[in-house]
Structures are given as C-alpha cells and as structure tokens.
Protein backbone atom coordinates (compact mmCIF):
# COMPACT_ATOMS: atom_id res chain seq x y z
CA MET A 1 -16.31 -21.52 0.92
CA VAL A 2 -14.78 -21.86 -2.75
CA GLU A 3 -16.37 -21.60 -6.53
CA GLY A 4 -14.49 -23.44 -8.69
CA SER A 5 -13.65 -27.51 -8.48
CA LEU A 6 -11.85 -28.94 -5.54
CA LEU A 7 -10.20 -31.68 -7.47
CA LEU A 8 -9.47 -35.30 -5.34
CA TYR A 9 -6.92 -38.06 -6.57
CA SER A 10 -8.08 -40.77 -4.59
CA PRO A 11 -9.11 -44.99 -4.88
CA LEU A 12 -12.16 -45.10 -3.10
CA ASN A 13 -13.08 -47.73 -0.33
CA GLU A 14 -14.74 -47.77 3.23
CA PRO A 15 -12.35 -46.49 5.37
CA ARG A 16 -12.07 -43.34 3.34
CA ARG A 17 -16.14 -42.83 3.17
CA PRO A 18 -15.62 -40.57 6.18
CA ALA A 19 -12.85 -38.79 4.83
CA LEU A 20 -14.86 -37.95 1.48
CA THR A 21 -17.80 -36.97 3.32
CA ARG A 22 -16.45 -34.63 5.28
CA LEU A 23 -15.20 -33.20 1.51
CA ALA A 24 -18.43 -32.63 0.52
CA GLU A 25 -19.54 -31.11 3.39
CA LEU A 26 -16.88 -28.65 3.23
CA HIS A 27 -17.01 -27.98 -0.89
CA PRO A 28 -19.72 -28.39 -3.39
CA ARG A 29 -17.96 -29.62 -6.00
CA VAL A 30 -15.81 -32.57 -5.44
CA VAL A 31 -14.64 -34.13 -8.77
CA LEU A 32 -12.88 -37.19 -8.41
CA LEU A 33 -9.85 -38.04 -10.57
CA ALA A 34 -10.09 -41.88 -10.87
CA GLU A 35 -8.03 -44.20 -12.97
CA ASP A 36 -9.66 -46.01 -15.97
CA ASP A 37 -10.03 -49.32 -14.34
CA THR A 38 -11.29 -47.76 -10.68
CA ASP A 39 -14.77 -48.54 -9.68
CA VAL A 40 -16.34 -45.95 -7.96
CA PRO A 41 -18.32 -47.05 -5.15
CA PRO A 42 -22.68 -46.41 -5.28
CA TRP A 43 -22.33 -44.15 -1.94
CA ALA A 44 -19.66 -41.70 -3.36
CA ASP A 45 -22.16 -40.76 -6.46
CA GLU A 46 -24.05 -38.21 -3.89
CA LEU A 47 -20.67 -36.79 -2.68
CA LEU A 48 -19.27 -36.33 -6.31
CA ALA A 49 -19.68 -33.27 -8.68
CA ASP A 50 -18.07 -35.24 -11.41
CA VAL A 51 -15.67 -38.04 -12.04
CA ALA A 52 -12.88 -38.01 -15.08
CA ARG A 53 -11.07 -41.01 -16.18
CA ILE A 54 -7.30 -40.73 -16.20
CA ASP A 55 -4.21 -42.48 -16.51
CA ARG A 56 -1.40 -41.55 -13.14
CA LEU A 57 1.42 -42.26 -15.87
CA ASP A 58 0.66 -40.58 -18.83
CA VAL A 59 0.20 -37.32 -17.34
CA PRO A 60 0.21 -34.84 -20.04
CA ALA A 61 -3.10 -36.92 -21.13
CA ALA A 62 -4.43 -36.43 -17.94
CA ILE A 63 -3.48 -33.11 -17.82
CA ARG A 64 -5.66 -32.37 -20.68
CA THR A 65 -8.50 -34.57 -19.48
CA THR A 66 -9.00 -32.80 -16.46
CA ARG A 67 -8.47 -29.33 -18.24
CA ASP A 68 -11.35 -30.52 -20.80
CA LEU A 69 -13.60 -31.39 -17.59
CA LEU A 70 -12.80 -27.85 -15.78
CA ALA A 71 -13.88 -26.34 -19.10
CA ARG A 72 -17.22 -27.80 -19.27
CA ARG A 73 -18.33 -27.21 -16.08
CA GLY A 74 -17.32 -23.76 -16.93
CA GLY A 75 -15.16 -22.74 -14.09
CA ALA A 76 -11.36 -23.15 -12.61
CA ALA A 77 -10.23 -25.65 -9.81
CA ASP A 78 -9.57 -24.11 -6.14
CA GLY A 79 -7.51 -27.04 -5.41
CA ILE A 80 -6.26 -30.19 -5.53
CA VAL A 81 -6.22 -32.75 -2.49
CA SER A 82 -4.84 -36.78 -2.68
CA LEU A 83 -6.03 -39.33 0.39
CA SER A 84 -3.53 -41.73 -1.11
CA GLU A 85 0.17 -41.44 -1.17
CA THR A 86 1.02 -43.40 -3.78
CA GLY A 87 -1.13 -40.45 -5.85
CA LEU A 88 0.64 -37.73 -4.43
CA ALA A 89 3.39 -37.69 -7.18
CA PHE A 90 0.65 -37.23 -9.63
CA CYS A 91 -0.95 -34.53 -7.58
CA SER A 92 2.46 -32.38 -7.18
CA ALA A 93 2.26 -32.87 -11.45
CA LEU A 94 -0.89 -31.54 -11.81
CA ALA A 95 -1.06 -29.37 -9.50
CA GLY A 96 2.37 -27.41 -11.41
CA GLU A 97 0.38 -27.22 -14.62
CA LEU A 98 -2.89 -25.78 -12.94
CA GLY A 99 -1.21 -23.13 -10.51
CA LEU A 100 -2.47 -25.25 -7.49
CA PRO A 101 -0.60 -25.05 -4.30
CA PHE A 102 1.20 -28.85 -3.91
CA THR A 103 4.32 -30.47 -2.37
CA PRO A 104 6.71 -29.81 -5.13
CA PRO A 105 7.87 -33.02 -6.76
CA ASP A 106 11.87 -33.08 -5.55
CA VAL A 107 10.19 -32.46 -1.91
CA LEU A 108 7.85 -35.27 -2.38
CA GLU A 109 10.85 -37.54 -3.55
CA ARG A 110 12.67 -37.36 -0.40
CA ALA A 111 9.52 -37.93 1.53
CA ARG A 112 8.49 -41.13 -0.53
CA ASP A 113 12.22 -42.65 -0.82
CA LYS A 114 12.50 -43.79 2.34
CA SER A 115 16.47 -44.49 1.63
CA ARG A 116 16.35 -40.42 1.14
CA MET A 117 14.11 -39.91 4.23
CA ARG A 118 16.12 -40.93 6.44
CA ALA A 119 19.34 -40.23 5.39
CA ALA A 120 17.68 -36.37 5.74
CA PHE A 121 17.07 -37.11 9.20
CA ALA A 122 20.98 -38.31 9.84
CA ASP A 123 21.68 -35.15 8.06
CA HIS A 124 20.25 -33.34 10.71
CA ASP A 125 20.80 -35.47 13.67
CA LEU A 126 17.38 -36.53 14.27
CA PRO A 127 17.37 -39.88 16.31
CA THR A 128 16.81 -42.31 13.25
CA VAL A 129 17.56 -45.54 12.54
CA ARG A 130 21.17 -46.83 10.85
CA PHE A 131 19.92 -48.48 7.43
CA GLY A 132 21.34 -49.17 4.28
CA THR A 133 19.83 -49.73 0.56
CA ALA A 134 20.28 -53.22 -1.43
CA GLU A 135 19.98 -54.15 -5.15
CA ARG A 136 21.54 -57.69 -4.39
CA LEU A 137 21.31 -60.38 -1.63
CA ASP A 138 25.18 -60.07 -0.92
CA GLU A 139 24.66 -56.67 -0.36
CA ALA A 140 21.75 -56.91 1.93
CA LEU A 141 23.46 -59.65 3.82
CA ALA A 142 27.02 -57.13 3.95
CA ILE A 143 24.72 -54.25 5.48
CA ALA A 144 22.50 -56.38 7.75
CA ALA A 145 26.32 -57.96 9.22
CA ASP A 146 27.43 -54.40 9.79
CA ILE A 147 24.18 -53.20 11.01
CA GLY A 148 23.77 -56.41 13.37
CA TYR A 149 20.26 -58.28 13.50
CA PRO A 150 17.98 -58.71 13.80
CA VAL A 151 16.87 -56.15 10.75
CA VAL A 152 13.64 -54.94 8.88
CA LEU A 153 13.46 -55.53 5.44
CA LYS A 154 11.59 -52.64 3.34
CA PRO A 155 11.02 -51.27 0.00
CA LEU A 156 11.80 -48.04 -0.64
CA PHE A 157 8.27 -46.62 -1.78
CA ALA A 158 5.72 -48.86 -0.32
CA GLY A 159 3.58 -47.80 2.41
CA GLY A 160 0.99 -49.17 5.01
CA SER A 161 4.05 -52.20 6.38
CA LEU A 162 3.24 -53.72 2.78
CA PHE A 163 6.27 -55.82 2.17
CA VAL A 164 7.76 -55.19 5.41
CA TRP A 165 9.62 -58.21 7.16
CA THR A 166 11.93 -58.50 10.24
CA VAL A 167 14.90 -60.95 9.59
CA ASN A 168 16.84 -62.50 12.74
CA ASN A 169 19.84 -64.17 10.50
CA PRO A 170 21.54 -64.54 7.00
CA THR A 171 19.09 -67.76 6.33
CA ASP A 172 15.77 -65.88 7.42
CA LEU A 173 17.01 -62.76 5.28
CA ALA A 174 17.80 -64.88 2.39
CA ALA A 175 14.01 -66.28 2.21
CA ALA A 176 12.64 -62.77 2.19
CA PHE A 177 14.90 -60.93 0.03
CA ASP A 178 12.88 -61.71 -3.21
CA ASP A 179 9.63 -61.04 -1.79
CA VAL A 180 10.37 -57.87 -0.27
CA LEU A 181 12.60 -56.77 -3.73
CA ARG A 182 10.04 -57.50 -5.90
CA GLY A 183 6.68 -57.58 -3.97
CA GLY A 184 7.18 -54.21 -2.49
CA ALA A 185 8.28 -52.86 -6.51
CA GLU A 186 5.13 -54.01 -7.48
CA VAL A 187 2.74 -52.87 -5.36
CA VAL A 188 3.45 -49.45 -6.09
CA ALA A 189 4.47 -49.77 -10.14
CA GLY A 190 1.18 -47.54 -10.58
CA ASP A 191 2.66 -44.73 -8.77
CA PRO A 192 4.35 -41.64 -11.70
CA LEU A 193 7.44 -41.61 -8.58
CA VAL A 194 8.05 -45.08 -9.23
CA HIS A 195 7.96 -45.45 -13.03
CA ALA A 196 10.13 -42.21 -13.28
CA THR A 197 12.86 -43.79 -10.64
CA PHE A 198 13.04 -47.11 -12.39
CA ARG A 199 13.06 -45.53 -16.09
CA GLY A 200 15.48 -46.76 -18.32
CA GLY A 201 15.76 -50.27 -16.74
CA ALA A 202 17.06 -49.43 -13.56
CA ALA A 203 16.88 -52.00 -10.84
CA PRO A 204 14.33 -51.78 -8.09
CA ARG A 205 16.69 -52.13 -4.50
CA LEU A 206 15.25 -52.26 -0.68
CA LEU A 207 15.72 -51.07 2.53
CA VAL A 208 17.91 -52.76 4.74
CA GLU A 209 17.78 -50.84 8.37
CA GLN A 210 17.83 -51.65 12.52
CA LEU A 211 14.73 -52.84 14.15
CA ILE A 212 13.93 -50.49 17.02
CA ARG A 213 12.47 -52.44 19.96
CA GLY A 214 10.16 -49.76 21.23
CA ARG A 215 9.07 -50.33 24.79
CA ARG A 216 5.40 -49.09 25.64
CA ARG A 217 5.70 -45.90 28.13
CA PHE A 218 2.11 -46.08 29.61
CA ALA A 219 -0.40 -48.60 31.60
CA SER A 220 -2.63 -50.79 29.51
CA SER A 221 -4.81 -53.82 29.97
CA LEU A 222 -3.64 -54.80 26.36
CA ASP A 223 -0.95 -57.36 25.58
CA LEU A 224 1.03 -54.97 23.28
CA PRO A 225 4.58 -53.95 24.24
CA VAL A 226 5.85 -52.44 21.75
CA GLY A 227 5.81 -48.94 21.79
CA GLU A 228 4.44 -46.85 18.65
CA VAL A 229 3.06 -43.20 18.44
CA SER A 230 1.83 -41.29 14.96
CA VAL A 231 1.86 -37.90 14.68
CA GLU A 232 -0.92 -35.89 12.65
CA GLY A 233 -0.07 -32.12 11.87
CA CYS A 234 0.58 -29.38 8.94
CA VAL A 235 3.15 -26.72 8.21
CA VAL A 236 2.24 -23.64 6.67
CA GLY A 237 4.34 -20.72 6.05
CA GLY A 238 7.38 -22.86 7.43
CA GLU A 239 5.35 -23.31 10.85
CA VAL A 240 4.69 -26.74 12.12
CA HIS A 241 1.20 -27.26 13.75
CA VAL A 242 0.62 -30.07 15.96
CA LEU A 243 -2.85 -31.31 15.52
CA ALA A 244 -3.28 -34.82 17.06
CA ARG A 245 -1.25 -37.82 17.91
CA HIS A 246 -1.92 -41.52 18.16
CA ASP A 247 -0.46 -44.29 20.71
CA LYS A 248 -0.21 -47.56 18.42
CA PRO A 249 1.53 -50.29 20.25
CA LEU A 250 2.06 -53.31 18.79
CA PRO A 251 1.94 -57.11 20.13
CA ALA A 252 5.56 -58.06 18.54
CA ASP A 253 8.18 -56.95 16.62
CA GLY A 254 7.87 -58.60 14.32
CA PRO A 255 7.98 -60.75 11.46
CA PHE A 256 5.11 -58.70 10.15
CA PHE A 257 3.66 -55.48 11.40
CA GLU A 258 -0.02 -55.44 11.12
CA GLU A 259 -1.93 -52.43 12.47
CA VAL A 260 -3.79 -53.44 15.90
CA LEU A 261 -4.93 -50.04 17.68
CA TRP A 262 -5.37 -46.41 17.10
CA SER A 263 -5.20 -44.59 20.57
CA SER A 264 -5.99 -41.00 21.16
CA PRO A 265 -5.81 -38.45 22.85
CA SER A 266 -1.97 -40.17 23.49
CA ARG A 267 -1.47 -41.57 26.98
CA LEU A 268 2.72 -40.93 27.15
CA PRO A 269 4.71 -38.67 29.59
CA ALA A 270 4.22 -34.88 28.77
CA ASP A 271 8.43 -34.89 28.66
CA LEU A 272 8.51 -37.75 25.72
CA LEU A 273 5.15 -36.45 24.19
CA ALA A 274 7.39 -32.74 24.18
CA LEU A 275 10.34 -35.05 22.80
CA VAL A 276 7.82 -36.41 19.47
CA ASP A 277 6.71 -32.94 18.85
CA GLU A 278 9.97 -31.72 18.58
CA VAL A 279 11.01 -34.58 16.64
CA ALA A 280 8.13 -34.42 14.03
CA GLY A 281 9.13 -30.85 13.67
CA GLY A 282 12.31 -31.69 13.01
CA ALA A 283 11.89 -34.23 10.34
CA VAL A 284 9.33 -32.30 8.59
CA HIS A 285 11.98 -29.42 8.36
CA ALA A 286 14.69 -32.21 7.29
CA LEU A 287 12.60 -33.37 4.42
CA GLY A 288 11.65 -29.51 3.44
CA LEU A 289 7.69 -29.84 3.76
CA ARG A 290 5.73 -26.49 3.46
CA ASP A 291 2.29 -25.53 2.76
CA CYS A 292 0.53 -29.90 3.30
CA MET A 293 -0.23 -32.24 6.21
CA PHE A 294 1.96 -34.49 7.59
CA HIS A 295 1.53 -37.81 9.83
CA ALA A 296 4.89 -38.98 11.09
CA GLU A 297 5.67 -42.66 12.80
CA MET A 298 8.21 -42.92 15.69
CA ARG A 299 8.98 -46.00 17.94
CA THR A 300 9.04 -45.09 21.88
CA THR A 301 11.89 -46.18 23.98
CA ASP A 302 13.49 -45.73 26.64
CA THR A 303 15.76 -42.97 25.82
CA GLY A 304 13.23 -41.25 23.95
CA PRO A 305 11.33 -41.13 20.27
CA VAL A 306 13.31 -43.18 17.13
CA LEU A 307 11.69 -41.81 13.64
CA LEU A 308 10.82 -44.27 11.51
CA GLU A 309 9.04 -42.46 8.12
CA VAL A 310 7.26 -38.92 7.48
CA ALA A 311 4.69 -38.42 4.79
CA ALA A 312 3.17 -35.62 3.12
CA ARG A 313 -0.36 -36.50 3.69
CA MET A 314 -2.92 -36.68 6.22
CA GLY A 315 -3.09 -40.11 8.15
CA GLY A 316 -4.92 -42.88 6.80
CA GLY A 317 -7.50 -45.61 7.67
CA PRO A 318 -9.50 -44.11 10.90
CA ILE A 319 -7.20 -41.45 11.52
CA PHE A 320 -9.60 -38.46 10.60
CA ARG A 321 -12.30 -39.73 12.63
CA SER A 322 -10.04 -40.27 16.05
CA ALA A 323 -8.82 -36.87 15.73
CA ARG A 324 -12.13 -35.49 15.42
CA LEU A 325 -13.10 -37.13 18.45
CA ALA A 326 -10.37 -36.98 20.39
CA HIS A 327 -8.78 -33.50 19.76
CA GLY A 328 -11.69 -31.98 18.31
CA VAL A 329 -8.98 -31.43 15.37
CA ASP A 330 -10.89 -31.50 11.68
CA LEU A 331 -7.69 -32.72 9.37
CA VAL A 332 -10.03 -32.71 6.72
CA GLU A 333 -10.50 -29.24 6.77
CA THR A 334 -7.02 -28.46 7.44
CA MET A 335 -5.96 -30.16 4.44
CA VAL A 336 -8.53 -28.59 2.21
CA ARG A 337 -7.90 -24.72 3.15
CA ILE A 338 -4.27 -25.40 2.53
CA ALA A 339 -5.17 -26.83 -0.76
CA THR A 340 -7.13 -23.53 -1.84
CA GLY A 341 -4.94 -21.12 0.05
CA THR A 342 -7.40 -20.42 2.56
CA PRO A 343 -5.35 -19.20 6.00
CA VAL A 344 -5.33 -22.24 8.55
CA ALA A 345 -6.70 -22.27 12.39
CA SER A 346 -2.90 -22.68 14.51
CA GLY A 347 -3.09 -25.30 17.05
CA ARG A 348 -5.14 -28.01 18.19
CA THR A 349 -8.91 -26.60 19.92
CA ALA A 350 -8.65 -26.14 23.59
CA PRO A 351 -9.71 -28.37 26.04
CA ASP A 352 -13.00 -27.78 28.07
CA PRO A 353 -12.34 -28.66 31.06
CA ASP A 354 -15.81 -29.11 32.24
CA GLN A 355 -16.08 -31.95 29.36
CA PRO A 356 -13.04 -33.79 28.72
CA ALA A 357 -11.72 -35.62 25.67
CA PRO A 358 -12.74 -38.91 25.21
CA ALA A 359 -10.57 -41.95 25.22
CA VAL A 360 -11.03 -42.69 21.47
CA MET A 361 -9.67 -46.26 20.22
CA THR A 362 -9.92 -48.10 17.30
CA PHE A 363 -9.40 -51.79 17.04
CA GLY A 364 -8.00 -53.64 14.43
CA LEU A 365 -9.36 -57.02 13.46
CA PHE A 366 -8.17 -59.56 11.21
CA ALA A 367 -9.47 -62.68 9.57
CA ASP A 368 -7.37 -65.62 8.57
CA GLU A 369 -5.98 -65.89 4.96
CA GLY A 370 -8.77 -67.70 2.89
CA THR A 371 -11.84 -66.82 1.06
CA LEU A 372 -13.99 -64.80 3.37
CA ARG A 373 -17.46 -66.81 3.65
CA ALA A 374 -19.25 -64.84 6.55
CA ILE A 375 -18.78 -61.97 9.42
CA GLU A 376 -20.77 -62.54 12.52
CA GLY A 377 -21.38 -60.12 15.23
CA LEU A 378 -21.30 -56.93 13.54
CA ASP A 379 -25.03 -55.36 14.24
CA GLU A 380 -24.65 -56.63 17.86
CA VAL A 381 -21.43 -54.61 17.75
CA ARG A 382 -22.63 -51.37 16.19
CA ALA A 383 -25.82 -51.47 18.75
CA HIS A 384 -23.63 -50.65 21.66
CA PRO A 385 -23.80 -46.74 22.69
CA ASP A 386 -19.87 -46.62 22.86
CA VAL A 387 -19.06 -48.00 19.16
CA VAL A 388 -18.87 -45.40 16.85
CA GLU A 389 -17.83 -46.67 13.85
CA VAL A 390 -17.41 -49.95 12.55
CA CYS A 391 -15.87 -50.10 9.58
CA VAL A 392 -15.77 -53.23 6.77
CA TYR A 393 -12.82 -53.13 5.09
CA GLU A 394 -13.35 -56.96 3.43
CA HIS A 395 -16.39 -58.14 2.16
CA PRO A 396 -18.13 -61.90 2.16
CA GLY A 397 -16.53 -63.58 -0.72
CA THR A 398 -13.40 -61.77 -1.08
CA TYR A 399 -9.96 -63.43 -0.53
CA ILE A 400 -8.21 -62.33 2.73
CA ARG A 401 -4.31 -61.94 2.75
CA ARG A 402 -2.98 -61.25 5.83
CA ALA A 403 0.89 -59.24 6.48
CA PRO A 404 2.97 -58.87 4.82
CA ARG A 405 0.57 -58.73 1.92
CA SER A 406 -1.68 -56.81 2.90
CA ASP A 407 -1.88 -53.24 4.37
CA HIS A 408 -5.08 -52.97 6.44
CA CYS A 409 -7.43 -55.75 9.03
CA THR A 410 -10.53 -56.74 7.73
CA VAL A 411 -12.61 -54.95 10.07
CA HIS A 412 -11.79 -51.79 12.75
CA VAL A 413 -13.96 -50.95 15.24
CA MET A 414 -14.26 -47.45 16.59
CA VAL A 415 -15.08 -46.93 20.57
CA ALA A 416 -15.28 -43.34 22.45
CA ALA A 417 -15.82 -43.94 26.25
CA ALA A 418 -15.47 -42.01 29.48
CA ASP A 419 -11.50 -43.48 29.96
CA PHE A 420 -8.94 -46.37 28.33
CA ALA A 421 -9.83 -48.88 30.92
CA THR A 422 -13.55 -48.86 29.96
CA ALA A 423 -12.25 -48.83 26.12
CA GLU A 424 -9.74 -51.45 26.47
CA ASP A 425 -12.47 -53.38 27.88
CA LEU A 426 -15.29 -52.71 25.15
CA GLY A 427 -12.54 -53.22 22.43
CA ARG A 428 -12.14 -57.03 23.97
CA TRP A 429 -15.98 -57.52 24.00
CA ALA A 430 -15.96 -56.43 20.33
CA GLN A 431 -13.46 -58.92 19.21
CA GLN A 432 -14.98 -61.66 21.13
CA ARG A 433 -18.38 -60.97 19.41
CA ILE A 434 -17.39 -60.52 15.62
CA ARG A 435 -16.21 -63.53 13.74
CA PHE A 436 -15.00 -64.44 10.79
CA ILE A 437 -15.69 -67.41 8.77
CA THR A 438 -13.15 -68.27 6.33
CA GLU A 439 -12.04 -71.11 4.19
C-alpha cells in the first residue's frame, strides 16, 4: 500500500498484540518508537521492521533519532500512529516536524484536558456533566457543595478510570482528595502535554464533576444495571463516520469504575442509538477533531445519552477485534489510511441478512490485590469453540493492583455467539472456570 516506514509510538502489551499484528499486515515496515526503558516483548520482534529508542520529553532529540533512523533505512515516513493516549502529544509534535498528518497540538490539548473538553461540550449545548476544577481541598469541597453529592473526582489527564473516585459526602471527598490529585498526576508524568502544562511549577488540579446515574436500556441476564456506551469512529475532511458501538454496562456507580464488559453490536433502542451517534458527532466538532480516529463514552439515561469524554484515538483493549467481528469494520486499517493520507471508506460494512452479525461480548476478569501466583482454567476456556480470544494482561509473579490504581483487568475473555443470551451464559461459564490465586 505504501513504500516508506510507518512510525508507531505505543508501549506494547498483550492487549495491543492484535492491533500490532494487523498493522504489520497492512504495512511491511512498522518502526516502533520506544522509550529507553521500555521492553519490547519477544512476540513483537517479527512484526517490527526496526526499533528506535527515544525520550518523549526530549522532543528535539527524539526528532533527530527518528530522522537518523529514516536516513539509515533509506526512506521517508509514510505516517505516524499511536495506540496509546499518552503518546498522542509526542506523535503530534513529531508529525509536525516530519510533515505528516496528525491531530494538531492545540486540538489535542482540548481533547486531553478533561476540564477544557467539558467546557467545549457545554459551549456547544451538548448533554454533559456539571463540573469544576480544584487545586486545593477547600476548592473541591465548595464545587461539590454547589453540584450536590455524590460527585466524581478525576485527574485532568489520566485515562482508563485511573484514580477516578465517586465520593458521597465531604468526609469521603477529603479522604480521597490527595490520592486523586497526586496519583493522577504521577501516572501521566511522562506525557509531554502534561509536562508542558505544569512546566514552571504550576500545581496539579483535579476535576470535580456531577455523577450521572446511567441506566442500562436493554434486557440482560447480567447484574449490570448502570448504562454506558462507547462509540468508535473517525472524522475525515470534516465528516464524522460512526463505525462501531459497544455497550459497557457497569455493576455500580462507584466508588471505582472497573470495565467488566464490552458488548457489540449495541442492544440500545434505535432511537437512543440515533441520539448517541448525533451526540458523538457534535462532540467531535466541538473539540475541533479532524482527520483522526475517535473514541466517545456516554452514560445512557432515561432522558438520553450524557457525554463523559471523547479521545482522539481508537478505543483500546478488545475494541479493535470486537468491532471487526461484530461490525466487519477494521479500525486499524482506517487509522493507517488516515495517517498515510489514503482515502477512507465511509461507514460500516453493510450487514449480510443471510449471515447476521454474531453477538460479541468481552468479559473483564479481575484477580484480588496481591501477588499473582497462578491462573487456572485458561486452557479449558480457550478450547471452547465460541471463545475467540483469551488475553492475559498480568502473569504470575506480578503484583495485582485494583481500581483506582489500575486501569485494566487481569484477563479478558472474548466470545462470539449466535445471540446475546448464549454469549452471556458463556461469559458466566468462563468466569467460573478461570481462577486466580493471589497472596
């Protein structure tokens, strides 16, 4: 499809393996830009043409390293992509120097800073949460009193529900405040955007926002009453394309938010899905996103969808493979086409009435906190014909952390069944068979 190198910034882990495999199928020369202290897993060696060691916080040096590598390889860069939200600012800076298409820095700042994002939503009359930002505890208490408890505390820049905390009263807020403020800043300390934001000693701030009590708006045998939906799409030439949707119901409204299910195609009513798509498109335009992928998250309520946030990237975890199975849409190919300036096909693949889309459900399984000693039952679950993926995030010997200090499950199990009732039964079976031993 192209002749130069495709630059990739992303720490590599098992959940990103399917996306990297697809990148290597689409482009024969994927070059990884890796932090100096980042290990490249052995399975990635055959998928990568080269690896350049860089420091994201020293952009001029990273640019020199990348130019030297491209010169040594005897070609130019065809494009640059990131599978990591914290890599977007670095990729934008590098793309600007190399003359490659990428989301501009000012747009990324608006899409990464949750307070600026919500302000943009409000300015465009989109359904979103009431919020404020606080540097000190007294400021946070005043904002919470104005909004009304319960409220949610969030870092301004961290993703994946890291250090996201629901508090029900002033005492709970005071107890959680320092953890969210400091912990949320520490987990993104290596992000150039965050580094630039707090350069000169500016104090970190956190978000205090209204808790939206979502309601699951479809029938299910699972005890997941809180309704949430995500939208995958792209914006090209100012036109928004919705490519896939995932229902992501939750067991409770906090205090923490661990993702336990991704389910596609969405089972939301058609009129609500139309509103979800409309709100997603409005959010993309409010943030000024252009020529990029996007991942939008909303709570579903009795009065319609309420925006939580939008990221200028493809959804992570199992989203790529799930969207491909459920919708026939290739998010990685779309991302590469945008990055390399290749025309992008619009919309989702038309469904074949003779071959209905499977019910694709991915279940997140969590070990208890502590040192993981063993995982039992993986082979039995993998052997089931309707289980299409068992992804192990944490292996024996590692210390397991849970939310709010972790943004991922221990194992996810993806199933593709003829209907959602069968898929839900299979998910319960897998949860019973896989056993974590921690101490």
